[in-house]
C-alpha atoms as a PDB file:
ATOM      1  CA  MET A   1       5.143  13.968 -12.992  1.00  0.00           C
ATOM      2  CA  THR A   2       1.621  13.625 -11.235  1.00  0.00           C
ATOM      3  CA  PHE A   3       0.104  11.474 -14.161  1.00  0.00           C
ATOM      4  CA  PHE A   4       1.775   8.470 -12.754  1.00  0.00           C
ATOM      5  CA  PHE A   5       0.847   9.210  -9.207  1.00  0.00           C
ATOM      6  CA  HIS A   6      -2.727   9.532 -10.429  1.00  0.00           C
ATOM      7  CA  LEU A   7      -2.754   6.774 -12.757  1.00  0.00           C
ATOM      8  CA  HIS A   8      -1.636   4.234  -9.649  1.00  0.00           C
ATOM      9  CA  SER A   9      -3.786   5.832  -7.431  1.00  0.00           C
ATOM     10  CA  GLY A  10      -6.941   4.950  -9.480  1.00  0.00           C
ATOM     11  CA  LEU A  11      -5.797   1.856 -10.410  1.00  0.00           C
ATOM     12  CA  ARG A  12      -6.099   0.493  -7.000  1.00  0.00           C
ATOM     13  CA  TYR A  13      -9.746   0.342  -7.449  1.00  0.00           C
ATOM     14  CA  LEU A  14      -9.682  -1.946 -10.901  1.00  0.00           C
ATOM     15  CA  VAL A  15      -7.572  -3.907  -8.645  1.00  0.00           C
ATOM     16  CA  LEU A  16      -9.789  -4.205  -6.171  1.00  0.00           C
ATOM     17  CA  LEU A  17     -12.267  -4.455  -7.926  1.00  0.00           C
ATOM     18  CA  SER A  18     -11.076  -7.514 -10.144  1.00  0.00           C
ATOM     19  CA  GLY A  19      -9.399  -9.120  -7.123  1.00  0.00           C
ATOM     20  CA  VAL A  20     -13.208  -9.115  -5.402  1.00  0.00           C
ATOM     21  CA  ILE A  21     -14.510 -10.909  -8.951  1.00  0.00           C
ATOM     22  CA  ALA A  22     -11.968 -13.480  -8.989  1.00  0.00           C
ATOM     23  CA  LEU A  23     -12.243 -14.136  -4.958  1.00  0.00           C
ATOM     24  CA  ALA A  24     -16.360 -14.572  -6.011  1.00  0.00           C
ATOM     25  CA  PHE A  25     -15.598 -16.867  -8.997  1.00  0.00           C
ATOM     26  CA  PHE A  26     -13.019 -18.758  -7.330  1.00  0.00           C
ATOM     27  CA  ALA A  27     -14.849 -19.483  -4.182  1.00  0.00           C
ATOM     28  CA  PHE A  28     -18.422 -20.149  -6.463  1.00  0.00           C
ATOM     29  CA  ALA A  29     -16.085 -22.789  -8.176  1.00  0.00           C
ATOM     30  CA  VAL A  30     -14.986 -24.455  -5.414  1.00  0.00           C
ATOM     31  CA  ALA A  31     -18.086 -24.694  -3.653  1.00  0.00           C
ATOM     32  CA  THR A  32     -19.749 -26.477  -6.501  1.00  0.00           C
ATOM     33  CA  LYS A  33     -16.799 -28.202  -7.368  1.00  0.00           C
ATOM     34  CA  ARG A  34     -15.786 -26.971 -10.847  1.00  0.00           C
ATOM     35  CA  PRO A  35     -12.603 -27.983 -12.269  1.00  0.00           C
ATOM     36  CA  PHE A  36     -10.270 -25.211 -13.612  1.00  0.00           C
ATOM     37  CA  ASP A  37     -11.597 -23.790 -17.057  1.00  0.00           C
ATOM     38  CA  LYS A  38     -10.908 -21.423 -19.331  1.00  0.00           C
ATOM     39  CA  VAL A  39     -13.183 -18.752 -17.813  1.00  0.00           C
ATOM     40  CA  GLY A  40     -10.894 -19.050 -14.136  1.00  0.00           C
ATOM     41  CA  ARG A  41      -7.931 -18.602 -16.459  1.00  0.00           C
ATOM     42  CA  ILE A  42      -9.211 -15.423 -18.086  1.00  0.00           C
ATOM     43  CA  ILE A  43     -10.457 -13.992 -14.800  1.00  0.00           C
ATOM     44  CA  GLY A  44      -7.167 -15.267 -12.890  1.00  0.00           C
ATOM     45  CA  ALA A  45      -4.965 -13.124 -15.581  1.00  0.00           C
ATOM     46  CA  SER A  46      -7.123 -10.387 -15.746  1.00  0.00           C
ATOM     47  CA  TYR A  47      -6.541  -9.850 -12.157  1.00  0.00           C
ATOM     48  CA  SER A  48      -2.916 -11.055 -12.046  1.00  0.00           C
ATOM     49  CA  GLY A  49      -2.240  -8.846 -14.973  1.00  0.00           C
ATOM     50  CA  LEU A  50      -3.991  -5.685 -13.263  1.00  0.00           C
ATOM     51  CA  LEU A  51      -1.947  -6.161 -10.155  1.00  0.00           C
ATOM     52  CA  GLN A  52       1.191  -6.425 -12.100  1.00  0.00           C
ATOM     53  CA  LEU A  53       0.652  -3.352 -14.292  1.00  0.00           C
ATOM     54  CA  GLN A  54      -0.290  -1.323 -10.997  1.00  0.00           C
ATOM     55  CA  VAL A  55       3.619  -2.760  -9.893  1.00  0.00           C
ATOM     56  CA  LEU A  56       4.794  -1.304 -13.120  1.00  0.00           C
ATOM     57  CA  VAL A  57       3.209   2.269 -12.714  1.00  0.00           C
ATOM     58  CA  GLY A  58       4.568   2.484  -9.182  1.00  0.00           C
ATOM     59  CA  ILE A  59       7.942   1.784 -10.085  1.00  0.00           C
ATOM     60  CA  ALA A  60       6.997   4.647 -12.740  1.00  0.00           C
ATOM     61  CA  VAL A  61       5.765   6.881  -9.535  1.00  0.00           C
ATOM     62  CA  LEU A  62       8.557   5.972  -7.288  1.00  0.00           C
ATOM     63  CA  VAL A  63      11.014   7.252 -10.277  1.00  0.00           C
ATOM     64  CA  THR A  64       9.142  10.424 -10.750  1.00  0.00           C
ATOM     65  CA  ARG A  65       8.062  11.337  -7.411  1.00  0.00           C
ATOM     66  CA  GLY A  66      10.969   9.845  -5.348  1.00  0.00           C
ATOM     67  CA  TYR A  67      11.305   8.080  -1.988  1.00  0.00           C
ATOM     68  CA  TYR A  68       9.844   8.172   1.204  1.00  0.00           C
ATOM     69  CA  PRO A  69      10.490   5.536   3.843  1.00  0.00           C
ATOM     70  CA  ALA A  70       6.763   4.151   4.766  1.00  0.00           C
ATOM     71  CA  LEU A  71       7.384   2.773   0.919  1.00  0.00           C
ATOM     72  CA  ILE A  72       9.363   0.005   1.885  1.00  0.00           C
ATOM     73  CA  GLY A  73       6.316  -1.698   3.690  1.00  0.00           C
ATOM     74  CA  HIS A  74       4.121  -1.010   0.731  1.00  0.00           C
ATOM     75  CA  ILE A  75       6.404  -2.347  -1.982  1.00  0.00           C
ATOM     76  CA  VAL A  76       7.701  -5.142  -0.028  1.00  0.00           C
ATOM     77  CA  MET A  77       3.642  -6.097   0.051  1.00  0.00           C
ATOM     78  CA  MET A  78       2.786  -5.364  -3.204  1.00  0.00           C
ATOM     79  CA  VAL A  79       5.607  -7.674  -4.718  1.00  0.00           C
ATOM     80  CA  LEU A  80       4.337 -10.815  -2.149  1.00  0.00           C
ATOM     81  CA  ALA A  81       0.952  -9.841  -3.734  1.00  0.00           C
ATOM     82  CA  VAL A  82       1.987 -10.251  -6.917  1.00  0.00           C
ATOM     83  CA  GLY A  83       3.579 -13.768  -5.928  1.00  0.00           C
ATOM     84  CA  ALA A  84       0.902 -14.825  -4.225  1.00  0.00           C
ATOM     85  CA  ILE A  85      -1.509 -14.738  -7.081  1.00  0.00           C
ATOM     86  CA  GLN A  86       1.030 -15.819  -9.876  1.00  0.00           C
ATOM     87  CA  GLY A  87       2.186 -18.491  -8.035  1.00  0.00           C
ATOM     88  CA  PRO A  88      -0.720 -20.662  -7.766  1.00  0.00           C
ATOM     89  CA  LEU A  89      -2.156 -19.609 -11.425  1.00  0.00           C
ATOM     90  CA  GLY A  90       1.068 -20.717 -12.854  1.00  0.00           C
ATOM     91  CA  ALA A  91       0.669 -24.154 -11.346  1.00  0.00           C
ATOM     92  CA  THR A  92      -2.609 -24.465 -11.852  1.00  0.00           C
ATOM     93  CA  ARG A  93      -1.901 -23.845 -15.361  1.00  0.00           C
ATOM     94  CA  ARG A  94       1.127 -26.131 -15.954  1.00  0.00           C
ATOM     95  CA  ARG A  95      -0.958 -28.883 -14.086  1.00  0.00           C
ATOM     96  CA  LEU A  96      -3.837 -27.693 -16.795  1.00  0.00           C
ATOM     97  CA  LYS A  97      -1.659 -28.414 -19.450  1.00  0.00           C
ATOM     98  CA  ALA A  98      -0.275 -31.650 -17.821  1.00  0.00           C
ATOM     99  CA  SER A  99      -3.715 -33.115 -17.167  1.00  0.00           C
ATOM    100  CA  GLY A 100      -4.118 -33.687 -21.089  1.00  0.00           C
ATOM    101  CA  GLU A 101      -1.425 -36.004 -21.081  1.00  0.00           C
ATOM    102  CA  ALA A 102      -1.588 -39.414 -20.126  1.00  0.00           C
ATOM    103  CA  THR A 103      -0.332 -41.179 -16.483  1.00  0.00           C
ATOM    104  CA  ALA A 104       2.018 -44.170 -16.311  1.00  0.00           C
ATOM    105  CA  SER A 105      -0.480 -46.442 -15.963  1.00  0.00           C
ATOM    106  CA  GLY A 106      -2.148 -44.990 -19.123  1.00  0.00           C
ATOM    107  CA  GLY A 107      -5.190 -43.325 -17.695  1.00  0.00           C
ATOM    108  CA  PRO A 108      -5.744 -39.443 -17.961  1.00  0.00           C
ATOM    109  CA  ARG A 109      -4.340 -37.176 -15.170  1.00  0.00           C
ATOM    110  CA  PRO A 110      -7.355 -35.230 -12.635  1.00  0.00           C
ATOM    111  CA  VAL A 111      -8.283 -31.818 -13.973  1.00  0.00           C
ATOM    112  CA  PRO A 112      -6.971 -29.081 -11.171  1.00  0.00           C
ATOM    113  CA  GLY A 113      -9.416 -27.494  -8.981  1.00  0.00           C
ATOM    114  CA  TYR A 114      -9.648 -24.108  -7.700  1.00  0.00           C
ATOM    115  CA  VAL A 115      -8.550 -24.424  -4.087  1.00  0.00           C
ATOM    116  CA  PRO A 116      -4.965 -23.124  -5.010  1.00  0.00           C
ATOM    117  CA  VAL A 117      -6.388 -20.178  -6.678  1.00  0.00           C
ATOM    118  CA  LEU A 118      -8.785 -19.127  -4.370  1.00  0.00           C
ATOM    119  CA  VAL A 119      -6.263 -19.086  -1.473  1.00  0.00           C
ATOM    120  CA  GLY A 120      -3.809 -16.994  -3.413  1.00  0.00           C
ATOM    121  CA  THR A 121      -6.280 -14.711  -4.540  1.00  0.00           C
ATOM    122  CA  LEU A 122      -7.375 -14.316  -1.036  1.00  0.00           C
ATOM    123  CA  VAL A 123      -4.075 -14.292   0.188  1.00  0.00           C
ATOM    124  CA  SER A 124      -3.002 -11.469  -2.453  1.00  0.00           C
ATOM    125  CA  LEU A 125      -5.868  -9.368  -1.969  1.00  0.00           C
ATOM    126  CA  ALA A 126      -4.962  -9.248   1.914  1.00  0.00           C
ATOM    127  CA  LEU A 127      -1.344  -7.977   1.021  1.00  0.00           C
ATOM    128  CA  VAL A 128      -2.968  -5.349  -1.319  1.00  0.00           C
ATOM    129  CA  ALA A 129      -5.125  -3.779   1.543  1.00  0.00           C
ATOM    130  CA  GLY A 130      -1.974  -4.229   3.770  1.00  0.00           C
ATOM    131  CA  GLY A 131       0.096  -2.523   0.879  1.00  0.00           C
ATOM    132  CA  ILE A 132      -2.344   0.553   0.823  1.00  0.00           C
ATOM    133  CA  LEU A 133      -2.570   0.652   4.558  1.00  0.00           C
ATOM    134  CA  ALA A 134       1.199   1.135   4.720  1.00  0.00           C
ATOM    135  CA  ILE A 135       1.026   4.310   2.873  1.00  0.00           C
ATOM    136  CA  ARG A 136      -2.788   5.696   3.415  1.00  0.00           C
ATOM    137  CA  PRO A 137      -4.881   5.810   6.408  1.00  0.00           C
ATOM    138  CA  GLY A 138      -7.932   3.702   4.367  1.00  0.00           C
ATOM    139  CA  LEU A 139      -8.555   1.529   1.563  1.00  0.00           C
ATOM    140  CA  PHE A 140     -10.730   4.121  -0.661  1.00  0.00           C
ATOM    141  CA  VAL A 141      -8.885   7.312   0.927  1.00  0.00           C
ATOM    142  CA  SER A 142      -7.315   9.957  -1.527  1.00  0.00           C
ATOM    143  CA  THR A 143      -4.090  11.743  -0.033  1.00  0.00           C
ATOM    144  CA  ALA A 144      -1.950  14.556  -1.666  1.00  0.00           C
ATOM    145  CA  PHE A 145       1.642  13.294  -2.074  1.00  0.00           C
END
């Protein structure tokens, strides 16, 4: 029973680290006006995948350890964090796929940039921090359940 709790607690550090790495890369890409590419897709998918894994492990914790009222804010913020990053990543991926197709006038479509995923990552990290603070006194504080 404590396996999922400790996994969930430790995985938060990987989620935060991958989120900060993604935020730094996307900010650099926006500053240099870099078009969305394979590296951005991999970094975004890594952060999003770790965040989704964290939600799944959190469900296992909820099933094995039980529920208490402070979890409402934690659960809602974490689900919103997944949506905040997955939405812009999916939309950018679809625009990237469509950029290879010709427009009605015959010219190529512009390749999407990093602004939507930068904003999504920033919002997602803020929601993750808020979700952690909903049940813990600090982002890096470990407490017994």
